[in-house]
């Protein structure tokens, strides 16, 4: 029998798991861009424009493809490192806590749930949820909390939204 009260926080194991894959991905891309730099500058019979093209391609590869998941990871960690989400199914209440805010939300007040995800392979393990509440600001929680809100809030309509950029630009309460 599943407990009626579940508390979700950023777990060290999940954080290290995601961080490990992000860092491995970053290092693989960094090595690939170093190889591209080496090809650009030490390969004979390459023109100046070909060297510039390979250099720009290597920089793009290193910064955007390799560094972007690190930025998203850091953004998610900063957003949820002090967050606690308590789901009390017995009383039909969700309690959201962070450093500044404590919100108690009744399940009936939740209008819908939005799951934002990306279909790119390098970001497949990043996603976040927005809990849309009647007459209140939405609450955002990321994948670092290791909560499957679609499953926990099974009576709530959930829409999956494909998003190109998965970072959180502002702090939602």
N, C-alpha and C. Protein backbone atom coordinates (compact mmCIF):
# COMPACT_ATOMS: atom_id res chain seq x y z
N UNK A 1 0.85 -1.18 0.00
CA UNK A 1 0.00 0.00 0.00
C UNK A 1 0.89 1.24 0.00
N UNK A 2 0.58 2.15 -0.88
CA UNK A 2 1.37 3.37 -1.01
C UNK A 2 1.01 4.35 0.11
N UNK A 3 2.01 5.02 0.69
CA UNK A 3 1.69 5.98 1.74
C UNK A 3 0.87 7.16 1.20
N UNK A 4 0.08 7.74 2.08
CA UNK A 4 -0.79 8.84 1.65
C UNK A 4 -0.05 10.17 1.63
N UNK A 5 1.08 10.25 2.30
CA UNK A 5 1.86 11.49 2.31
C UNK A 5 3.24 11.20 1.71
N UNK A 6 3.57 11.90 0.63
CA UNK A 6 4.86 11.77 -0.03
C UNK A 6 5.56 13.12 0.00
N UNK A 7 6.83 13.12 0.39
CA UNK A 7 7.62 14.35 0.43
C UNK A 7 8.73 14.21 -0.61
N UNK A 8 8.84 15.20 -1.49
CA UNK A 8 9.84 15.18 -2.55
C UNK A 8 10.79 16.35 -2.35
N UNK A 9 12.08 16.05 -2.40
CA UNK A 9 13.15 17.05 -2.35
C UNK A 9 14.18 16.68 -3.40
N UNK A 10 15.12 17.58 -3.62
CA UNK A 10 16.22 17.27 -4.52
C UNK A 10 17.08 16.22 -3.84
N UNK A 11 17.14 15.05 -4.45
CA UNK A 11 17.91 13.97 -3.84
C UNK A 11 19.35 14.01 -4.36
N UNK A 12 20.25 13.68 -3.49
CA UNK A 12 21.66 13.69 -3.85
C UNK A 12 21.95 12.66 -4.94
N UNK A 13 21.35 11.49 -4.84
CA UNK A 13 21.61 10.43 -5.82
C UNK A 13 21.13 10.85 -7.21
N UNK A 14 19.92 11.38 -7.30
CA UNK A 14 19.39 11.81 -8.60
C UNK A 14 20.22 12.97 -9.16
N UNK A 15 20.60 13.90 -8.30
CA UNK A 15 21.41 15.03 -8.73
C UNK A 15 22.75 14.57 -9.26
N UNK A 16 23.41 13.66 -8.55
CA UNK A 16 24.69 13.16 -9.01
C UNK A 16 24.55 12.34 -10.29
N UNK A 17 23.47 11.58 -10.42
CA UNK A 17 23.22 10.79 -11.62
C UNK A 17 23.11 11.68 -12.84
N UNK A 18 22.28 12.72 -12.75
CA UNK A 18 22.11 13.63 -13.89
C UNK A 18 23.39 14.41 -14.13
N UNK A 19 24.03 14.87 -13.05
CA UNK A 19 25.29 15.62 -13.19
C UNK A 19 26.37 14.77 -13.86
N UNK A 20 26.45 13.49 -13.53
CA UNK A 20 27.42 12.60 -14.12
C UNK A 20 27.23 12.53 -15.64
N UNK A 21 26.00 12.33 -16.09
CA UNK A 21 25.75 12.23 -17.52
C UNK A 21 25.99 13.56 -18.23
N UNK A 22 25.64 14.65 -17.59
CA UNK A 22 25.86 15.97 -18.20
C UNK A 22 27.36 16.23 -18.34
N UNK A 23 28.14 15.91 -17.32
CA UNK A 23 29.58 16.15 -17.38
C UNK A 23 30.24 15.23 -18.41
N UNK A 24 29.84 13.96 -18.47
CA UNK A 24 30.38 13.05 -19.48
C UNK A 24 30.05 13.57 -20.88
N UNK A 25 28.82 14.03 -21.07
CA UNK A 25 28.41 14.58 -22.36
C UNK A 25 29.24 15.82 -22.70
N UNK A 26 29.45 16.68 -21.70
CA UNK A 26 30.26 17.89 -21.91
C UNK A 26 31.70 17.53 -22.29
N UNK A 27 32.30 16.58 -21.58
CA UNK A 27 33.68 16.20 -21.86
C UNK A 27 33.82 15.57 -23.25
N UNK A 28 32.86 14.76 -23.64
CA UNK A 28 32.90 14.16 -24.98
C UNK A 28 32.82 15.24 -26.05
N UNK A 29 31.97 16.22 -25.85
CA UNK A 29 31.88 17.32 -26.81
C UNK A 29 33.11 18.20 -26.80
N UNK A 30 33.71 18.38 -25.64
CA UNK A 30 34.94 19.17 -25.55
C UNK A 30 36.08 18.48 -26.29
N UNK A 31 36.19 17.18 -26.12
CA UNK A 31 37.23 16.43 -26.83
C UNK A 31 37.00 16.50 -28.33
N UNK A 32 35.76 16.35 -28.76
CA UNK A 32 35.45 16.44 -30.18
C UNK A 32 35.79 17.83 -30.74
N UNK A 33 35.49 18.88 -30.00
CA UNK A 33 35.83 20.22 -30.49
C UNK A 33 37.35 20.44 -30.51
N UNK A 34 38.09 19.84 -29.57
CA UNK A 34 39.56 19.93 -29.60
C UNK A 34 40.12 19.22 -30.83
N UNK A 35 39.53 18.09 -31.18
CA UNK A 35 39.95 17.39 -32.39
C UNK A 35 39.68 18.26 -33.62
N UNK A 36 38.54 18.93 -33.62
CA UNK A 36 38.21 19.80 -34.75
C UNK A 36 39.19 20.97 -34.84
N UNK A 37 39.57 21.55 -33.69
CA UNK A 37 40.58 22.61 -33.69
C UNK A 37 41.90 22.09 -34.24
N UNK A 38 42.28 20.91 -33.82
CA UNK A 38 43.53 20.32 -34.29
C UNK A 38 43.50 20.12 -35.81
N UNK A 39 42.39 19.64 -36.30
CA UNK A 39 42.25 19.46 -37.75
C UNK A 39 42.35 20.80 -38.47
N UNK A 40 41.73 21.82 -37.90
CA UNK A 40 41.70 23.13 -38.55
C UNK A 40 43.08 23.75 -38.65
N UNK A 41 43.91 23.60 -37.64
CA UNK A 41 45.17 24.34 -37.62
C UNK A 41 46.41 23.54 -37.99
N UNK A 42 46.32 22.23 -37.93
CA UNK A 42 47.51 21.44 -38.20
C UNK A 42 47.39 20.55 -39.43
N UNK A 43 46.30 20.63 -40.11
CA UNK A 43 46.15 19.84 -41.32
C UNK A 43 46.69 20.63 -42.50
N UNK A 44 47.48 19.98 -43.28
CA UNK A 44 48.06 20.65 -44.44
C UNK A 44 47.02 20.80 -45.54
N UNK A 45 47.29 21.72 -46.44
CA UNK A 45 46.44 21.96 -47.61
C UNK A 45 45.03 22.43 -47.25
N UNK A 46 44.90 23.16 -46.14
CA UNK A 46 43.60 23.78 -45.84
C UNK A 46 43.75 25.28 -46.00
N UNK A 47 42.74 25.87 -46.59
CA UNK A 47 42.77 27.31 -46.81
C UNK A 47 42.37 28.03 -45.52
N UNK A 48 42.58 29.34 -45.53
CA UNK A 48 42.24 30.16 -44.37
C UNK A 48 40.73 30.11 -44.09
N UNK A 49 39.92 30.16 -45.13
CA UNK A 49 38.46 30.13 -44.94
C UNK A 49 38.00 28.78 -44.40
N UNK A 50 38.64 27.69 -44.82
CA UNK A 50 38.29 26.38 -44.27
C UNK A 50 38.68 26.29 -42.79
N UNK A 51 39.81 26.87 -42.44
CA UNK A 51 40.21 26.88 -41.03
C UNK A 51 39.24 27.69 -40.17
N UNK A 52 38.82 28.84 -40.69
CA UNK A 52 37.85 29.67 -39.96
C UNK A 52 36.53 28.92 -39.81
N UNK A 53 36.07 28.27 -40.87
CA UNK A 53 34.82 27.52 -40.82
C UNK A 53 34.90 26.39 -39.79
N UNK A 54 35.96 25.63 -39.80
CA UNK A 54 36.10 24.52 -38.84
C UNK A 54 36.22 25.07 -37.42
N UNK A 55 36.90 26.20 -37.25
CA UNK A 55 37.04 26.80 -35.93
C UNK A 55 35.69 27.27 -35.40
N UNK A 56 34.91 27.93 -36.23
CA UNK A 56 33.58 28.39 -35.82
C UNK A 56 32.69 27.19 -35.50
N UNK A 57 32.76 26.16 -36.31
CA UNK A 57 31.99 24.96 -36.07
C UNK A 57 32.40 24.30 -34.74
N UNK A 58 33.68 24.26 -34.47
CA UNK A 58 34.16 23.67 -33.22
C UNK A 58 33.72 24.49 -32.01
N UNK A 59 33.78 25.81 -32.12
CA UNK A 59 33.31 26.67 -31.02
C UNK A 59 31.82 26.50 -30.78
N UNK A 60 31.05 26.45 -31.87
CA UNK A 60 29.61 26.23 -31.73
C UNK A 60 29.37 24.89 -31.05
N UNK A 61 30.07 23.86 -31.48
CA UNK A 61 29.90 22.53 -30.92
C UNK A 61 30.24 22.53 -29.43
N UNK A 62 31.34 23.15 -29.08
CA UNK A 62 31.78 23.15 -27.68
C UNK A 62 30.85 23.97 -26.79
N UNK A 63 30.42 25.12 -27.27
CA UNK A 63 29.62 26.01 -26.42
C UNK A 63 28.16 25.59 -26.38
N UNK A 64 27.55 25.46 -27.55
CA UNK A 64 26.11 25.19 -27.56
C UNK A 64 25.79 23.74 -27.24
N UNK A 65 26.40 22.82 -27.92
CA UNK A 65 26.07 21.41 -27.73
C UNK A 65 26.61 20.88 -26.40
N UNK A 66 27.81 21.27 -26.03
CA UNK A 66 28.43 20.75 -24.82
C UNK A 66 28.09 21.51 -23.56
N UNK A 67 28.03 22.82 -23.65
CA UNK A 67 27.86 23.66 -22.46
C UNK A 67 26.40 23.87 -22.08
N UNK A 68 25.51 23.81 -23.06
CA UNK A 68 24.09 24.07 -22.83
C UNK A 68 23.46 23.15 -21.78
N UNK A 69 23.68 21.81 -21.82
CA UNK A 69 23.12 20.98 -20.75
C UNK A 69 23.65 21.32 -19.36
N UNK A 70 24.91 21.76 -19.27
CA UNK A 70 25.44 22.19 -17.97
C UNK A 70 24.70 23.41 -17.44
N UNK A 71 24.40 24.33 -18.33
CA UNK A 71 23.66 25.54 -17.92
C UNK A 71 22.26 25.18 -17.45
N UNK A 72 21.60 24.29 -18.18
CA UNK A 72 20.26 23.87 -17.78
C UNK A 72 20.31 23.15 -16.43
N UNK A 73 21.26 22.26 -16.27
CA UNK A 73 21.39 21.54 -15.00
C UNK A 73 21.59 22.52 -13.83
N UNK A 74 22.49 23.47 -14.00
CA UNK A 74 22.76 24.43 -12.93
C UNK A 74 21.52 25.28 -12.65
N UNK A 75 20.81 25.67 -13.69
CA UNK A 75 19.58 26.44 -13.52
C UNK A 75 18.54 25.64 -12.75
N UNK A 76 18.34 24.38 -13.07
CA UNK A 76 17.38 23.52 -12.37
C UNK A 76 17.79 23.32 -10.91
N UNK A 77 19.08 23.11 -10.70
CA UNK A 77 19.56 22.89 -9.34
C UNK A 77 19.33 24.13 -8.47
N UNK A 78 19.67 25.30 -9.02
CA UNK A 78 19.44 26.54 -8.26
C UNK A 78 17.96 26.75 -7.98
N UNK A 79 17.11 26.39 -8.91
CA UNK A 79 15.67 26.58 -8.74
C UNK A 79 15.10 25.69 -7.65
N UNK A 80 15.56 24.44 -7.56
CA UNK A 80 14.92 23.47 -6.67
C UNK A 80 15.75 23.01 -5.48
N UNK A 81 16.92 23.60 -5.25
CA UNK A 81 17.76 23.07 -4.18
C UNK A 81 17.15 23.24 -2.79
N UNK A 82 16.27 24.22 -2.59
CA UNK A 82 15.64 24.42 -1.28
C UNK A 82 14.14 24.12 -1.32
N UNK A 83 13.70 23.41 -2.35
CA UNK A 83 12.27 23.16 -2.52
C UNK A 83 11.89 21.83 -1.88
N UNK A 84 10.72 21.84 -1.27
CA UNK A 84 10.12 20.63 -0.74
C UNK A 84 8.67 20.60 -1.22
N UNK A 85 8.28 19.49 -1.81
CA UNK A 85 6.92 19.33 -2.31
C UNK A 85 6.31 18.14 -1.59
N UNK A 86 5.27 18.42 -0.81
CA UNK A 86 4.60 17.38 -0.04
C UNK A 86 3.22 17.14 -0.66
N UNK A 87 2.95 15.91 -1.03
CA UNK A 87 1.66 15.55 -1.59
C UNK A 87 0.94 14.69 -0.56
N UNK A 88 -0.15 15.23 -0.04
CA UNK A 88 -0.94 14.55 0.97
C UNK A 88 -2.25 14.10 0.31
N UNK A 89 -2.32 12.83 -0.06
CA UNK A 89 -3.50 12.32 -0.75
C UNK A 89 -4.67 12.11 0.21
N UNK A 90 -4.38 11.95 1.47
CA UNK A 90 -5.46 11.75 2.45
C UNK A 90 -6.30 13.01 2.59
N UNK A 91 -5.61 14.18 2.67
CA UNK A 91 -6.32 15.45 2.81
C UNK A 91 -6.49 16.18 1.49
N UNK A 92 -6.00 15.59 0.38
CA UNK A 92 -6.06 16.21 -0.95
C UNK A 92 -5.40 17.59 -0.96
N UNK A 93 -4.17 17.64 -0.46
CA UNK A 93 -3.45 18.91 -0.34
C UNK A 93 -2.02 18.71 -0.85
N UNK A 94 -1.51 19.76 -1.49
CA UNK A 94 -0.10 19.82 -1.88
C UNK A 94 0.51 21.00 -1.14
N UNK A 95 1.65 20.76 -0.52
CA UNK A 95 2.35 21.84 0.18
C UNK A 95 3.68 22.06 -0.53
N UNK A 96 3.87 23.28 -1.02
CA UNK A 96 5.10 23.67 -1.71
C UNK A 96 5.86 24.62 -0.81
N UNK A 97 7.14 24.28 -0.53
CA UNK A 97 7.97 25.13 0.33
C UNK A 97 9.28 25.40 -0.37
N UNK A 98 9.72 26.65 -0.29
CA UNK A 98 11.10 26.99 -0.61
C UNK A 98 11.54 28.01 0.42
N UNK A 99 12.67 28.67 0.20
CA UNK A 99 13.18 29.61 1.21
C UNK A 99 12.21 30.75 1.51
N UNK A 100 11.54 31.27 0.48
CA UNK A 100 10.70 32.45 0.66
C UNK A 100 9.22 32.14 0.79
N UNK A 101 8.76 31.03 0.23
CA UNK A 101 7.33 30.81 0.05
C UNK A 101 6.91 29.46 0.64
N UNK A 102 5.75 29.46 1.27
CA UNK A 102 5.07 28.23 1.65
C UNK A 102 3.65 28.34 1.12
N UNK A 103 3.29 27.43 0.22
CA UNK A 103 1.95 27.43 -0.36
C UNK A 103 1.27 26.12 -0.07
N UNK A 104 0.04 26.21 0.38
CA UNK A 104 -0.77 25.03 0.56
C UNK A 104 -1.89 25.09 -0.47
N UNK A 105 -1.95 24.07 -1.31
CA UNK A 105 -2.88 24.06 -2.43
C UNK A 105 -3.78 22.84 -2.30
N UNK A 106 -5.06 23.08 -2.40
CA UNK A 106 -6.00 21.96 -2.42
C UNK A 106 -6.04 21.39 -3.83
N UNK A 107 -6.20 20.11 -3.92
CA UNK A 107 -6.20 19.43 -5.23
C UNK A 107 -7.29 19.98 -6.15
N UNK A 108 -8.41 20.42 -5.57
CA UNK A 108 -9.50 20.96 -6.39
C UNK A 108 -9.12 22.28 -7.04
N UNK A 109 -8.14 23.00 -6.48
CA UNK A 109 -7.73 24.28 -7.02
C UNK A 109 -6.79 24.16 -8.21
N UNK A 110 -6.28 22.97 -8.45
CA UNK A 110 -5.36 22.76 -9.57
C UNK A 110 -6.17 22.66 -10.86
N UNK A 111 -5.91 23.58 -11.77
CA UNK A 111 -6.62 23.62 -13.04
C UNK A 111 -6.06 22.57 -13.99
N UNK A 112 -4.74 22.58 -14.14
CA UNK A 112 -4.08 21.62 -15.03
C UNK A 112 -2.61 21.53 -14.66
N UNK A 113 -1.98 20.56 -15.27
CA UNK A 113 -0.57 20.32 -15.09
C UNK A 113 0.08 20.37 -16.46
N UNK A 114 1.19 21.09 -16.58
CA UNK A 114 1.91 21.20 -17.85
C UNK A 114 3.30 20.61 -17.66
N UNK A 115 3.66 19.67 -18.54
CA UNK A 115 5.00 19.09 -18.50
C UNK A 115 5.76 19.59 -19.72
N UNK A 116 6.85 20.30 -19.48
CA UNK A 116 7.68 20.84 -20.55
C UNK A 116 8.87 19.90 -20.75
N UNK A 117 9.11 19.51 -21.99
CA UNK A 117 10.17 18.58 -22.29
C UNK A 117 10.77 18.91 -23.65
N UNK A 118 11.88 18.28 -23.95
CA UNK A 118 12.54 18.46 -25.23
C UNK A 118 12.66 17.10 -25.90
N UNK A 119 12.59 17.10 -27.23
CA UNK A 119 12.74 15.83 -27.93
C UNK A 119 14.17 15.60 -28.42
N UNK A 120 15.08 16.52 -28.09
CA UNK A 120 16.47 16.31 -28.49
C UNK A 120 17.13 15.30 -27.55
N UNK A 121 18.02 14.52 -28.10
CA UNK A 121 18.65 13.44 -27.34
C UNK A 121 19.50 13.97 -26.18
N UNK A 122 20.18 15.11 -26.40
CA UNK A 122 21.06 15.61 -25.35
C UNK A 122 20.29 16.17 -24.16
N UNK A 123 19.00 16.44 -24.32
CA UNK A 123 18.19 16.99 -23.23
C UNK A 123 17.06 16.06 -22.83
N UNK A 124 17.15 14.79 -23.17
CA UNK A 124 16.04 13.88 -22.94
C UNK A 124 15.74 13.64 -21.46
N UNK A 125 16.70 13.85 -20.58
CA UNK A 125 16.44 13.61 -19.17
C UNK A 125 16.09 14.90 -18.42
N UNK A 126 15.96 16.02 -19.12
CA UNK A 126 15.53 17.27 -18.50
C UNK A 126 14.08 17.53 -18.83
N UNK A 127 13.32 17.89 -17.81
CA UNK A 127 11.93 18.31 -17.99
C UNK A 127 11.52 19.08 -16.73
N UNK A 128 10.44 19.81 -16.84
CA UNK A 128 9.90 20.45 -15.65
C UNK A 128 8.38 20.54 -15.76
N UNK A 129 7.75 20.69 -14.60
CA UNK A 129 6.31 20.78 -14.53
C UNK A 129 5.89 22.18 -14.09
N UNK A 130 4.77 22.63 -14.60
CA UNK A 130 4.11 23.82 -14.08
C UNK A 130 2.75 23.39 -13.58
N UNK A 131 2.51 23.66 -12.32
CA UNK A 131 1.21 23.37 -11.73
C UNK A 131 0.39 24.65 -11.84
N UNK A 132 -0.64 24.63 -12.67
CA UNK A 132 -1.49 25.80 -12.87
C UNK A 132 -2.61 25.76 -11.85
N UNK A 133 -2.67 26.82 -11.04
CA UNK A 133 -3.60 26.88 -9.93
C UNK A 133 -4.64 27.96 -10.19
N UNK A 134 -5.87 27.68 -9.82
CA UNK A 134 -6.94 28.65 -9.97
C UNK A 134 -6.67 29.87 -9.10
N UNK A 135 -6.70 31.06 -9.68
CA UNK A 135 -6.53 32.34 -8.99
C UNK A 135 -5.19 32.46 -8.24
N UNK A 136 -4.13 31.89 -8.78
CA UNK A 136 -2.80 32.02 -8.16
C UNK A 136 -1.73 31.85 -9.23
N UNK A 137 -0.52 32.22 -8.86
CA UNK A 137 0.61 32.04 -9.77
C UNK A 137 0.94 30.56 -9.90
N UNK A 138 1.40 30.14 -11.08
CA UNK A 138 1.77 28.73 -11.23
C UNK A 138 3.02 28.38 -10.42
N UNK A 139 3.13 27.12 -10.09
CA UNK A 139 4.29 26.61 -9.36
C UNK A 139 5.10 25.76 -10.34
N UNK A 140 6.41 25.98 -10.35
CA UNK A 140 7.29 25.23 -11.24
C UNK A 140 8.19 24.33 -10.42
N UNK A 141 8.24 23.05 -10.79
CA UNK A 141 9.18 22.10 -10.19
C UNK A 141 9.89 21.37 -11.31
N UNK A 142 11.15 21.05 -11.09
CA UNK A 142 11.97 20.43 -12.14
C UNK A 142 12.13 18.93 -11.90
N UNK A 143 12.80 18.30 -12.83
CA UNK A 143 13.03 16.85 -12.76
C UNK A 143 13.95 16.46 -11.61
N UNK A 144 14.65 17.41 -11.02
CA UNK A 144 15.55 17.07 -9.92
C UNK A 144 14.80 16.64 -8.66
N UNK A 145 13.53 16.98 -8.57
CA UNK A 145 12.74 16.54 -7.41
C UNK A 145 12.36 15.07 -7.51
N UNK A 146 12.55 14.47 -8.69
CA UNK A 146 12.26 13.05 -8.90
C UNK A 146 10.81 12.71 -8.57
N UNK A 147 9.92 13.56 -9.01
CA UNK A 147 8.50 13.32 -8.79
C UNK A 147 7.82 13.21 -10.15
N UNK A 148 6.99 12.21 -10.29
CA UNK A 148 6.19 12.06 -11.49
C UNK A 148 4.81 12.62 -11.18
N UNK A 149 4.65 13.91 -11.40
CA UNK A 149 3.40 14.57 -11.03
C UNK A 149 2.21 14.06 -11.83
N UNK A 150 2.45 13.62 -13.05
CA UNK A 150 1.33 13.06 -13.84
C UNK A 150 0.72 11.87 -13.12
N UNK A 151 1.57 11.09 -12.51
CA UNK A 151 1.10 9.90 -11.80
C UNK A 151 0.50 10.28 -10.44
N UNK A 152 1.15 11.22 -9.76
CA UNK A 152 0.68 11.61 -8.43
C UNK A 152 -0.65 12.36 -8.47
N UNK A 153 -0.82 13.18 -9.50
CA UNK A 153 -2.06 13.96 -9.65
C UNK A 153 -2.89 13.38 -10.78
N UNK A 154 -3.27 12.13 -10.65
CA UNK A 154 -3.89 11.41 -11.75
C UNK A 154 -5.26 11.94 -12.15
N UNK A 155 -5.93 12.70 -11.33
CA UNK A 155 -7.23 13.26 -11.70
C UNK A 155 -7.10 14.60 -12.40
N UNK A 156 -5.89 15.10 -12.54
CA UNK A 156 -5.65 16.41 -13.13
C UNK A 156 -5.28 16.26 -14.59
N UNK A 157 -5.81 17.15 -15.42
CA UNK A 157 -5.48 17.14 -16.84
C UNK A 157 -4.02 17.55 -17.01
N UNK A 158 -3.26 16.75 -17.73
CA UNK A 158 -1.84 17.03 -17.96
C UNK A 158 -1.59 17.20 -19.44
N UNK A 159 -0.98 18.31 -19.80
CA UNK A 159 -0.61 18.52 -21.20
C UNK A 159 0.91 18.51 -21.29
N UNK A 160 1.41 17.79 -22.29
CA UNK A 160 2.86 17.73 -22.54
C UNK A 160 3.18 18.77 -23.60
N UNK A 161 4.13 19.63 -23.28
CA UNK A 161 4.47 20.75 -24.16
C UNK A 161 5.92 20.60 -24.58
N UNK A 162 6.11 20.53 -25.88
CA UNK A 162 7.44 20.44 -26.45
C UNK A 162 8.06 21.84 -26.45
N UNK A 163 9.22 21.97 -25.84
CA UNK A 163 9.87 23.28 -25.73
C UNK A 163 11.31 23.15 -26.22
N UNK A 164 11.72 24.12 -26.99
CA UNK A 164 13.07 24.07 -27.55
C UNK A 164 14.14 24.36 -26.49
N UNK A 165 13.91 25.37 -25.67
CA UNK A 165 14.87 25.74 -24.63
C UNK A 165 14.24 25.47 -23.27
N UNK A 166 14.87 24.65 -22.48
CA UNK A 166 14.28 24.16 -21.24
C UNK A 166 14.75 24.88 -19.99
N UNK A 167 15.44 25.99 -20.11
CA UNK A 167 15.86 26.62 -18.88
C UNK A 167 14.76 27.52 -18.34
N UNK A 168 14.84 27.76 -17.07
CA UNK A 168 13.85 28.57 -16.37
C UNK A 168 14.40 29.98 -16.28
N UNK A 169 13.76 30.91 -16.96
CA UNK A 169 14.31 32.26 -17.00
C UNK A 169 13.96 33.09 -15.78
N UNK A 170 12.86 32.79 -15.15
CA UNK A 170 12.51 33.53 -13.93
C UNK A 170 12.13 32.53 -12.85
N UNK A 171 12.23 32.96 -11.64
CA UNK A 171 11.88 32.09 -10.53
C UNK A 171 10.39 32.16 -10.27
N UNK A 172 9.70 31.05 -10.43
CA UNK A 172 8.30 30.99 -10.09
C UNK A 172 8.19 30.51 -8.65
N UNK A 173 7.19 30.99 -7.95
CA UNK A 173 7.04 30.65 -6.56
C UNK A 173 6.51 29.34 -6.34
